[in-house]
Amino acid sequence: MSASKPSPKRAILWFRKDLRLADNAALATALDEGFEIIPLYIREPDKDETGPLGAAQAWWLHHSLKALAESLEKKGTRLTLRSGSAASVLHDLIAETKASAVFWNRRYDPPGIAIDKALKAKLSDDGIEVRSFAGQILHEPSKLMTNAGGNFRVYTPFWKALDGAGEPPEPIPAPKALPTLDSWPETEALSDWQMLPTRPNWAKGFESEWQPGEAGAHKRLAAFVKTGLKGYRTRRDFPGEAHVSMLSPHLALGEISPAAVWDATRDLPDDYSTEDYIHFRKELVWRDFSYHLLFHFPELARKNWNAKFDGFPWEHAPEKLKAWQKGQTGYPIVDAGMRQLWQTGFMHNRVRMIVASFLIKDLLIDWREGERWFRDTLVDADPASNAASWQWVAGSGADASPFFRIFNPITQGEKFDPEGVYVRRFVPELKAMPAKFIHRPFDAPLLVLKEAGVSLGKTYPKPIVDHGKARDVAMAAFQGLKVE
């Protein structure tokens, strides 16, 4: 009588915001240790706050999951989609598949941390092996400390500490093949999750701009290193030029690891400037710094880091907020940024600072209103970077820009979009304006406006505030706080 075949070791590989096969430590370890793998993605309840941050990122997630499923099928396996609490979904799937282990890559947002901690304890009590791995950011917030043993509050020492800790490990290649199971768990249909807009399809402009998924991430990275990295340090602030990586949405859902992005800046040819790739690395590390802040201050998106801003006299101005959201403020660089956001789900980083400064300091609207709008409309919405950056502009955050640094939307436009290339693309009603007046149409002579086909208040709005007067009001409000 022949001996019965031993049952295979099976592990559930729980994908979260790590939708990739390359440089995926959980996947690589499970394979190295001889597990059959059951790839899983859980659509957790909205109340858990672990899914896409807003509607734009839900669009991206749909396409990213589709790309991941296709990649897994090419490797010999399938992606299982389930809805529900992580605890209940994993309980059911373990029973169905006889899995003995669950592998995942760690999350660093407060809701994710809380769910994972409780889940790990429960599964372990049930005799299920649980393994978690790093790789979503470049450092572990619980381990990287100041010399005094505390958490970092200032970016420059954080950068020096992370940079001084040594180079990130080289990324792990994607597996050539994955084990094929005898039978597959039942899966929900991705289309049933209804993450794509229909009536109206406000995301129609996204499709020509983006290729969600791991392949799109690596394609974007290669193109940036080839054509955008040279001159990055000095040209990255010019929104009409191609010197930004546009990798942030791919990083937000983990289609590429930050270590893989860092690795692409190693061993560059001699004609690449050290200043360019070091500055790019510093921008990548700002994302890490933001997660460090969020890990140690979980209320980053809801509360001022500096509590002295709690008494700031914000205005309730719904009509002005709406004008800002729609790109109808009468300041071309602001309007171009807000329309780029609506049309593409993205906004150039310099322009993000300009539009944020305008909302907070020209309109005196609470930074949290801006954070909420960005959270819903950005494909790269990120719980750490979004909150940290808004608080940076507001002056209420860690290592923040001082409140009195108030961007002038006219001079910012003239400095960083001198010919109006960016404005002409996203504010087409101004495309015939001469460069001299493209950022200040309200100062243009009537003849110039007429020749450009612009009628202020009709084809393009008049400014909703006077920047000079608004600046004075903002400074008076700030000085009344006596913020240190």
Protein backbone atom coordinates (compact mmCIF):
# COMPACT_ATOMS: atom_id res chain seq x y z
CA MET A 1 0.00 0.00 0.00
CA SER A 2 1.59 3.31 -1.07
CA ALA A 3 2.08 6.11 1.44
CA SER A 4 -0.39 8.97 1.16
CA LYS A 5 0.91 12.16 -0.40
CA PRO A 6 1.66 14.77 2.29
CA SER A 7 -0.55 17.84 2.28
CA PRO A 8 1.21 20.86 0.75
CA LYS A 9 2.15 23.84 2.88
CA ARG A 10 -0.20 26.63 1.90
CA ALA A 11 0.05 30.31 2.68
CA ILE A 12 -2.38 33.10 1.96
CA LEU A 13 -0.48 36.02 0.46
CA TRP A 14 -2.57 39.04 1.43
CA PHE A 15 -1.97 41.92 -0.97
CA ARG A 16 -2.77 45.38 0.36
CA LYS A 17 -0.95 48.51 -0.86
CA ASP A 18 1.82 46.35 -2.33
CA LEU A 19 0.31 45.40 -5.68
CA ARG A 20 3.47 44.03 -7.27
CA LEU A 21 5.44 40.83 -7.74
CA ALA A 22 8.95 42.31 -7.84
CA ASP A 23 10.60 43.31 -4.55
CA ASN A 24 7.74 41.82 -2.59
CA ALA A 25 9.32 40.37 0.55
CA ALA A 26 6.19 38.51 1.66
CA LEU A 27 5.90 36.77 -1.70
CA ALA A 28 9.61 36.00 -1.99
CA THR A 29 9.83 34.52 1.51
CA ALA A 30 6.75 32.35 1.07
CA LEU A 31 8.22 30.92 -2.12
CA ASP A 32 11.67 30.40 -0.60
CA GLU A 33 10.09 28.44 2.25
CA GLY A 34 8.21 26.12 -0.07
CA PHE A 35 4.62 27.34 0.38
CA GLU A 36 1.90 27.05 -2.17
CA ILE A 37 0.50 30.54 -2.43
CA ILE A 38 -3.09 31.75 -2.44
CA PRO A 39 -2.99 35.41 -3.60
CA LEU A 40 -5.73 37.45 -1.95
CA TYR A 41 -6.97 41.02 -1.99
CA ILE A 42 -9.62 42.06 0.54
CA ARG A 43 -11.97 44.96 0.02
CA GLU A 44 -12.23 45.94 3.66
CA PRO A 45 -15.23 48.00 4.90
CA ASP A 46 -15.06 51.75 4.32
CA LYS A 47 -15.15 52.33 8.07
CA ASP A 48 -11.78 50.59 8.38
CA GLU A 49 -10.16 53.34 6.25
CA THR A 50 -7.68 50.95 4.67
CA GLY A 51 -8.81 51.05 1.04
CA PRO A 52 -8.51 53.77 -1.60
CA LEU A 53 -8.57 57.21 -0.02
CA GLY A 54 -11.00 58.66 -2.54
CA ALA A 55 -12.82 58.25 -5.82
CA ALA A 56 -9.81 58.99 -8.01
CA GLN A 57 -7.67 56.40 -6.26
CA ALA A 58 -10.54 53.88 -6.48
CA TRP A 59 -10.32 54.29 -10.27
CA TRP A 60 -6.61 53.55 -10.06
CA LEU A 61 -7.12 50.58 -7.73
CA HIS A 62 -9.55 48.94 -10.17
CA HIS A 63 -6.98 49.04 -12.95
CA SER A 64 -4.12 48.08 -10.66
CA LEU A 65 -5.93 44.99 -9.40
CA LYS A 66 -6.78 44.04 -12.97
CA ALA A 67 -3.11 44.33 -13.92
CA LEU A 68 -2.02 42.31 -10.87
CA ALA A 69 -4.53 39.54 -11.66
CA GLU A 70 -3.22 39.34 -15.22
CA SER A 71 0.39 39.16 -14.00
CA LEU A 72 -0.45 36.39 -11.55
CA GLU A 73 -2.23 34.37 -14.23
CA LYS A 74 0.83 34.60 -16.47
CA LYS A 75 2.86 33.16 -13.59
CA GLY A 76 0.46 30.24 -13.11
CA THR A 77 -1.87 31.35 -10.32
CA ARG A 78 -4.97 33.47 -9.68
CA LEU A 79 -5.95 36.43 -7.55
CA THR A 80 -8.85 35.90 -5.17
CA LEU A 81 -11.01 38.94 -4.45
CA ARG A 82 -13.18 39.01 -1.32
CA SER A 83 -15.15 41.70 0.51
CA GLY A 84 -15.58 42.01 4.26
CA SER A 85 -13.56 42.50 7.41
CA ALA A 86 -10.08 41.08 7.16
CA ALA A 87 -10.72 38.81 10.13
CA SER A 88 -13.82 37.19 8.66
CA VAL A 89 -12.42 36.87 5.13
CA LEU A 90 -9.20 35.26 6.33
CA HIS A 91 -11.10 32.94 8.70
CA ASP A 92 -13.25 31.68 5.84
CA LEU A 93 -10.43 31.35 3.34
CA ILE A 94 -8.20 29.48 5.77
CA ALA A 95 -11.00 26.99 6.36
CA GLU A 96 -11.63 26.60 2.61
CA THR A 97 -8.02 26.14 1.56
CA LYS A 98 -6.48 24.52 4.66
CA ALA A 99 -3.83 27.27 4.64
CA SER A 100 -1.46 27.15 7.60
CA ALA A 101 0.07 30.61 7.22
CA VAL A 102 -0.72 34.18 6.22
CA PHE A 103 1.99 36.44 4.80
CA TRP A 104 1.71 40.19 4.31
CA ASN A 105 3.79 43.35 3.93
CA ARG A 106 3.33 45.83 6.74
CA ARG A 107 1.07 48.86 6.67
CA TYR A 108 2.05 52.08 8.44
CA ASP A 109 -1.22 54.00 8.59
CA PRO A 110 -2.95 54.00 12.00
CA PRO A 111 -6.10 52.06 10.96
CA GLY A 112 -4.02 49.44 9.15
CA ILE A 113 -1.64 49.04 12.09
CA ALA A 114 -4.52 48.55 14.53
CA ILE A 115 -6.25 45.94 12.35
CA ASP A 116 -3.04 44.03 11.65
CA LYS A 117 -1.98 43.95 15.29
CA ALA A 118 -5.29 42.47 16.46
CA LEU A 119 -5.45 40.10 13.51
CA LYS A 120 -1.94 38.80 14.06
CA ALA A 121 -2.72 38.00 17.69
CA LYS A 122 -5.99 36.25 16.80
CA LEU A 123 -4.52 34.15 13.99
CA SER A 124 -1.55 33.17 16.11
CA ASP A 125 -3.89 32.06 18.90
CA ASP A 126 -5.68 29.90 16.31
CA GLY A 127 -2.42 28.21 15.37
CA ILE A 128 -1.94 30.04 12.09
CA GLU A 129 1.56 31.25 11.30
CA VAL A 130 1.59 34.98 10.57
CA ARG A 131 4.57 36.66 8.93
CA SER A 132 4.86 40.37 8.18
CA PHE A 133 7.59 42.14 6.23
CA ALA A 134 9.00 45.60 5.56
CA GLY A 135 9.36 47.21 2.17
CA GLN A 136 6.58 49.76 1.72
CA ILE A 137 8.85 52.56 2.94
CA LEU A 138 12.62 52.76 3.29
CA HIS A 139 12.73 52.64 7.11
CA GLU A 140 10.84 51.19 10.03
CA PRO A 141 9.31 54.07 12.07
CA SER A 142 9.59 52.11 15.30
CA LYS A 143 13.31 51.57 14.80
CA LEU A 144 14.79 54.74 13.27
CA MET A 145 15.34 57.07 16.22
CA THR A 146 17.18 60.28 17.03
CA ASN A 147 20.39 60.12 19.05
CA ALA A 148 18.29 60.94 22.09
CA GLY A 149 16.07 57.94 21.42
CA GLY A 150 13.01 59.88 20.25
CA ASN A 151 11.17 60.25 16.97
CA PHE A 152 12.22 62.75 14.32
CA ARG A 153 10.40 66.06 13.99
CA VAL A 154 12.72 67.79 11.52
CA TYR A 155 13.37 66.53 8.00
CA THR A 156 17.10 67.24 7.57
CA PRO A 157 18.25 65.13 10.56
CA PHE A 158 15.82 62.42 9.42
CA TRP A 159 17.36 62.41 5.93
CA LYS A 160 20.86 62.25 7.38
CA ALA A 161 19.93 59.38 9.69
CA LEU A 162 18.26 57.38 6.95
CA ASP A 163 21.01 58.09 4.44
CA GLY A 164 23.63 57.23 7.06
CA ALA A 165 21.98 53.89 7.80
CA GLY A 166 23.30 52.53 4.51
CA GLU A 167 21.88 51.87 1.09
CA PRO A 168 18.56 50.04 0.82
CA PRO A 169 19.01 46.41 -0.21
CA GLU A 170 18.86 45.65 -3.90
CA PRO A 171 15.29 44.88 -4.95
CA ILE A 172 14.21 41.25 -5.22
CA PRO A 173 13.39 40.15 -8.79
CA ALA A 174 9.87 38.99 -9.58
CA PRO A 175 9.49 35.18 -9.54
CA LYS A 176 9.54 33.50 -12.94
CA ALA A 177 6.64 31.24 -12.00
CA LEU A 178 4.26 30.58 -9.11
CA PRO A 179 2.82 27.27 -7.87
CA THR A 180 -0.42 26.21 -9.54
CA LEU A 181 -3.13 24.96 -7.21
CA ASP A 182 -5.32 21.92 -7.87
CA SER A 183 -8.41 24.05 -7.23
CA TRP A 184 -9.05 27.73 -6.82
CA PRO A 185 -11.06 29.55 -4.15
CA GLU A 186 -14.17 31.36 -5.30
CA THR A 187 -13.59 35.00 -6.13
CA GLU A 188 -15.76 38.06 -6.46
CA ALA A 189 -15.82 39.91 -9.77
CA LEU A 190 -13.79 43.12 -9.82
CA SER A 191 -16.50 44.85 -11.84
CA ASP A 192 -19.01 44.20 -9.05
CA TRP A 193 -16.99 46.50 -6.79
CA GLN A 194 -18.06 49.43 -9.00
CA MET A 195 -14.92 51.51 -8.52
CA LEU A 196 -15.12 53.11 -11.96
CA PRO A 197 -17.23 56.23 -12.56
CA THR A 198 -19.95 55.92 -15.19
CA ARG A 199 -22.46 58.75 -15.36
CA PRO A 200 -20.66 61.03 -15.73
CA ASN A 201 -17.28 59.44 -16.41
CA TRP A 202 -15.21 62.18 -14.78
CA ALA A 203 -12.09 59.99 -15.10
CA LYS A 204 -12.06 59.88 -18.91
CA GLY A 205 -8.97 62.10 -18.96
CA PHE A 206 -7.06 59.70 -16.72
CA GLU A 207 -6.73 56.93 -19.30
CA SER A 208 -4.43 58.80 -21.67
CA GLU A 209 -2.27 60.00 -18.76
CA TRP A 210 -1.68 56.81 -16.80
CA GLN A 211 -0.91 53.10 -17.01
CA PRO A 212 -1.78 51.71 -13.56
CA GLY A 213 -0.03 48.51 -12.52
CA GLU A 214 3.48 47.22 -11.96
CA ALA A 215 4.48 47.31 -15.63
CA GLY A 216 3.33 50.92 -15.89
CA ALA A 217 5.33 51.83 -12.77
CA HIS A 218 8.58 50.44 -14.14
CA LYS A 219 7.93 52.01 -17.54
CA ARG A 220 7.39 55.38 -15.86
CA LEU A 221 10.56 55.01 -13.78
CA ALA A 222 12.70 54.09 -16.80
CA ALA A 223 11.38 57.06 -18.79
CA PHE A 224 12.06 59.44 -15.92
CA VAL A 225 15.63 58.26 -15.38
CA LYS A 226 16.28 58.54 -19.12
CA THR A 227 14.75 61.95 -19.79
CA GLY A 228 13.67 63.65 -16.55
CA LEU A 229 16.38 63.05 -13.95
CA LYS A 230 19.00 65.17 -15.69
CA GLY A 231 18.42 68.72 -14.49
CA TYR A 232 15.96 67.54 -11.83
CA ARG A 233 17.30 69.72 -9.02
CA THR A 234 16.81 73.01 -10.85
CA ARG A 235 14.02 72.19 -13.33
CA ARG A 236 11.64 70.15 -11.16
CA ASP A 237 9.82 73.35 -10.13
CA PHE A 238 8.72 74.16 -13.68
CA PRO A 239 5.31 72.54 -14.31
CA GLY A 240 5.52 72.98 -18.07
CA GLU A 241 8.58 70.70 -18.22
CA ALA A 242 9.01 66.93 -17.86
CA HIS A 243 11.28 66.90 -14.81
CA VAL A 244 8.96 65.17 -12.36
CA SER A 245 8.86 61.41 -11.99
CA MET A 246 5.06 61.03 -11.64
CA LEU A 247 5.76 57.84 -9.69
CA SER A 248 3.70 58.87 -6.67
CA PRO A 249 0.48 57.01 -7.62
CA HIS A 250 2.48 53.85 -8.30
CA LEU A 251 4.18 54.18 -4.91
CA ALA A 252 0.86 54.91 -3.18
CA LEU A 253 -0.50 51.48 -4.08
CA GLY A 254 2.85 49.72 -3.94
CA GLU A 255 3.10 48.85 -7.63
CA ILE A 256 6.79 49.62 -7.23
CA SER A 257 8.82 49.70 -4.04
CA PRO A 258 10.74 52.78 -2.89
CA ALA A 259 13.85 50.59 -2.78
CA ALA A 260 13.41 49.84 -6.49
CA VAL A 261 13.09 53.56 -7.23
CA TRP A 262 16.22 54.26 -5.18
CA ASP A 263 18.02 51.43 -6.99
CA ALA A 264 17.36 53.09 -10.34
CA THR A 265 19.55 56.02 -9.22
CA ARG A 266 22.57 53.80 -8.55
CA ASP A 267 25.51 53.47 -10.95
CA LEU A 268 24.33 56.17 -13.32
CA PRO A 269 26.52 57.29 -16.24
CA ASP A 270 28.98 60.11 -15.67
CA ASP A 271 26.80 62.66 -17.46
CA TYR A 272 24.26 62.48 -14.62
CA SER A 273 24.76 65.09 -11.91
CA THR A 274 25.13 63.87 -8.34
CA GLU A 275 23.05 66.87 -7.24
CA ASP A 276 20.16 65.70 -9.41
CA TYR A 277 19.86 62.16 -8.14
CA ILE A 278 20.57 63.09 -4.51
CA HIS A 279 17.83 65.71 -4.64
CA PHE A 280 15.48 63.15 -6.16
CA ARG A 281 16.32 60.71 -3.36
CA LYS A 282 15.56 63.42 -0.82
CA GLU A 283 12.10 63.84 -2.33
CA LEU A 284 11.59 60.09 -2.10
CA VAL A 285 12.64 60.24 1.55
CA TRP A 286 10.09 63.03 2.23
CA ARG A 287 7.48 60.31 1.76
CA ASP A 288 9.26 58.26 4.43
CA PHE A 289 9.44 61.28 6.74
CA SER A 290 5.70 61.78 6.31
CA TYR A 291 5.06 58.19 7.37
CA HIS A 292 7.38 58.68 10.31
CA LEU A 293 5.25 61.64 11.41
CA LEU A 294 1.99 59.75 10.88
CA PHE A 295 3.25 56.72 12.81
CA HIS A 296 4.12 58.87 15.82
CA PHE A 297 1.19 61.33 15.46
CA PRO A 298 -1.78 59.29 14.17
CA GLU A 299 -4.07 62.34 14.05
CA LEU A 300 -1.92 64.08 11.43
CA ALA A 301 -4.78 64.49 8.93
CA ARG A 302 -7.24 65.76 11.54
CA LYS A 303 -5.33 67.80 14.10
CA ASN A 304 -2.69 70.51 13.97
CA TRP A 305 0.74 69.15 14.79
CA ASN A 306 1.39 72.48 16.47
CA ALA A 307 -1.59 72.86 18.81
CA LYS A 308 -1.08 76.63 18.92
CA PHE A 309 -2.82 76.75 15.52
CA ASP A 310 -5.99 75.35 17.08
CA GLY A 311 -7.28 78.86 17.68
CA PHE A 312 -6.68 80.10 14.13
CA PRO A 313 -9.71 82.09 12.88
CA TRP A 314 -10.52 80.13 9.73
CA GLU A 315 -13.29 81.47 7.53
CA HIS A 316 -16.38 79.56 6.47
CA ALA A 317 -16.50 80.48 2.78
CA PRO A 318 -18.20 77.72 0.75
CA GLU A 319 -18.43 79.76 -2.45
CA LYS A 320 -14.72 80.58 -2.40
CA LEU A 321 -13.91 76.96 -1.62
CA LYS A 322 -16.01 75.87 -4.59
CA ALA A 323 -14.26 78.38 -6.88
CA TRP A 324 -10.89 77.01 -5.73
CA GLN A 325 -11.99 73.41 -6.30
CA LYS A 326 -13.21 74.17 -9.82
CA GLY A 327 -10.20 76.26 -10.86
CA GLN A 328 -12.19 79.49 -11.10
CA THR A 329 -10.24 81.78 -8.75
CA GLY A 330 -9.09 84.29 -11.37
CA TYR A 331 -5.42 83.47 -10.71
CA PRO A 332 -4.20 81.43 -13.71
CA ILE A 333 -1.50 79.30 -12.05
CA VAL A 334 -3.94 78.33 -9.27
CA ASP A 335 -6.71 77.54 -11.74
CA ALA A 336 -4.36 75.55 -13.98
CA GLY A 337 -3.31 73.40 -11.04
CA MET A 338 -6.84 72.72 -9.88
CA ARG A 339 -7.96 71.84 -13.40
CA GLN A 340 -4.95 69.57 -13.92
CA LEU A 341 -6.04 67.80 -10.75
CA TRP A 342 -9.61 67.34 -11.95
CA GLN A 343 -8.65 66.30 -15.49
CA THR A 344 -5.74 63.96 -14.69
CA GLY A 345 -5.95 63.08 -10.98
CA PHE A 346 -2.52 64.64 -10.48
CA MET A 347 -0.92 68.01 -9.85
CA HIS A 348 2.66 69.19 -10.24
CA ASN A 349 4.37 69.48 -6.84
CA ARG A 350 5.32 73.17 -7.07
CA VAL A 351 1.76 73.99 -8.07
CA ARG A 352 0.43 71.92 -5.15
CA MET A 353 2.26 74.30 -2.83
CA ILE A 354 0.90 77.34 -4.69
CA VAL A 355 -2.74 76.22 -4.62
CA ALA A 356 -2.44 75.13 -0.97
CA SER A 357 -0.98 78.48 0.04
CA PHE A 358 -3.78 80.23 -1.84
CA LEU A 359 -6.52 78.25 -0.09
CA ILE A 360 -5.00 78.65 3.37
CA LYS A 361 -3.54 82.14 3.26
CA ASP A 362 -5.45 84.02 0.58
CA LEU A 363 -8.86 82.53 1.34
CA LEU A 364 -8.22 81.73 5.04
CA ILE A 365 -9.89 78.34 4.59
CA ASP A 366 -8.88 75.53 6.95
CA TRP A 367 -6.11 73.34 5.52
CA ARG A 368 -8.23 70.28 6.34
CA GLU A 369 -10.69 71.28 3.60
CA GLY A 370 -7.85 71.16 1.10
CA GLU A 371 -6.56 67.87 2.47
CA ARG A 372 -10.01 66.33 2.07
CA TRP A 373 -10.33 67.55 -1.53
CA PHE A 374 -6.89 66.24 -2.48
CA ARG A 375 -7.65 62.94 -0.75
CA ASP A 376 -10.69 62.45 -2.98
CA THR A 377 -9.30 63.73 -6.28
CA LEU A 378 -5.65 62.62 -6.35
CA VAL A 379 -4.73 59.25 -7.82
CA ASP A 380 -1.64 59.41 -5.60
CA ALA A 381 -3.64 60.16 -2.44
CA ASP A 382 -1.54 59.07 0.49
CA PRO A 383 -2.52 59.25 4.17
CA ALA A 384 0.92 60.41 5.25
CA SER A 385 2.24 62.62 2.45
CA ASN A 386 -1.09 64.35 1.89
CA ALA A 387 -1.55 65.36 5.53
CA ALA A 388 2.10 66.20 6.19
CA SER A 389 2.34 68.39 3.09
CA TRP A 390 -0.84 70.35 3.84
CA GLN A 391 0.34 70.99 7.39
CA TRP A 392 3.75 72.00 6.02
CA VAL A 393 2.19 74.73 3.89
CA ALA A 394 -0.14 75.82 6.70
CA GLY A 395 2.78 76.26 9.09
CA SER A 396 1.10 74.00 11.63
CA GLY A 397 3.10 70.86 10.87
CA ALA A 398 6.42 69.36 11.83
CA ASP A 399 9.40 71.25 10.35
CA ALA A 400 6.82 73.34 8.52
CA SER A 401 7.20 76.29 6.22
CA PRO A 402 6.57 79.40 8.39
CA PHE A 403 3.07 80.81 8.03
CA PHE A 404 4.43 84.14 6.84
CA ARG A 405 5.80 82.42 3.74
CA ILE A 406 2.80 83.33 1.61
CA PHE A 407 3.14 82.50 -2.07
CA ASN A 408 2.20 85.26 -4.48
CA PRO A 409 0.28 83.38 -7.19
CA ILE A 410 1.23 85.95 -9.82
CA THR A 411 4.98 85.99 -9.27
CA GLN A 412 5.05 82.22 -8.72
CA GLY A 413 3.46 81.76 -12.12
CA GLU A 414 5.82 84.22 -13.78
CA LYS A 415 8.86 82.57 -12.22
CA PHE A 416 8.05 78.92 -12.83
CA ASP A 417 5.83 79.09 -15.94
CA PRO A 418 7.29 82.17 -17.64
CA GLU A 419 5.88 81.48 -21.11
CA GLY A 420 2.60 80.17 -19.74
CA VAL A 421 3.03 76.67 -21.19
CA TYR A 422 1.33 75.05 -18.20
CA VAL A 423 -1.44 77.63 -17.94
CA ARG A 424 -2.21 77.47 -21.67
CA ARG A 425 -2.64 73.69 -21.43
CA PHE A 426 -5.09 73.66 -18.54
CA VAL A 427 -6.73 77.09 -18.88
CA PRO A 428 -7.31 77.12 -22.64
CA GLU A 429 -9.46 80.27 -22.52
CA LEU A 430 -6.19 82.14 -21.85
CA LYS A 431 -4.04 80.42 -24.46
CA ALA A 432 -3.96 83.47 -26.76
CA MET A 433 -2.81 85.82 -24.00
CA PRO A 434 0.73 87.20 -24.44
CA ALA A 435 3.27 85.86 -21.93
CA LYS A 436 3.53 89.28 -20.31
CA PHE A 437 -0.07 89.03 -19.10
CA ILE A 438 -0.73 85.27 -18.99
CA HIS A 439 -0.43 85.26 -15.18
CA ARG A 440 -2.09 88.64 -14.65
CA PRO A 441 -4.91 88.98 -17.18
CA PHE A 442 -6.62 91.42 -14.80
CA ASP A 443 -3.76 93.88 -15.44
CA ALA A 444 -3.92 93.57 -19.24
CA PRO A 445 -5.18 96.51 -21.34
CA LEU A 446 -8.63 96.04 -22.82
CA LEU A 447 -7.17 95.83 -26.34
CA VAL A 448 -4.87 92.96 -25.30
CA LEU A 449 -7.78 91.12 -23.71
CA LYS A 450 -9.93 91.67 -26.78
CA GLU A 451 -7.25 90.38 -29.16
CA ALA A 452 -6.84 87.29 -26.96
CA GLY A 453 -10.60 86.69 -26.89
CA VAL A 454 -10.76 87.14 -23.13
CA SER A 455 -13.59 88.88 -21.33
CA LEU A 456 -12.95 89.06 -17.59
CA GLY A 457 -15.96 87.98 -15.60
CA LYS A 458 -17.39 86.16 -18.63
CA THR A 459 -14.88 83.90 -20.39
CA TYR A 460 -12.47 83.93 -17.44
CA PRO A 461 -13.25 84.99 -13.85
CA LYS A 462 -12.02 88.09 -12.14
CA PRO A 463 -9.88 87.38 -9.02
CA ILE A 464 -12.06 86.25 -6.14
CA VAL A 465 -9.74 88.08 -3.70
CA ASP A 466 -7.09 90.76 -3.91
CA HIS A 467 -3.86 88.95 -3.07
CA GLY A 468 -2.17 91.93 -1.43
CA LYS A 469 -5.09 92.66 0.88
CA ALA A 470 -5.62 88.95 1.60
CA ARG A 471 -1.99 88.61 2.60
CA ASP A 472 -2.34 91.45 5.13
CA VAL A 473 -5.46 89.87 6.63
CA ALA A 474 -3.74 86.48 6.90
CA MET A 475 -0.69 87.97 8.60
CA ALA A 476 -2.87 89.84 11.09
CA ALA A 477 -4.71 86.62 11.94
CA PHE A 478 -1.43 84.77 12.37
CA GLN A 479 0.13 87.45 14.56
CA GLY A 480 -2.94 87.33 16.77
CA LEU A 481 -2.11 83.68 17.56
CA LYS A 482 1.39 84.41 18.89
CA VAL A 483 2.60 81.10 17.44
CA GLU A 484 6.21 80.27 18.20
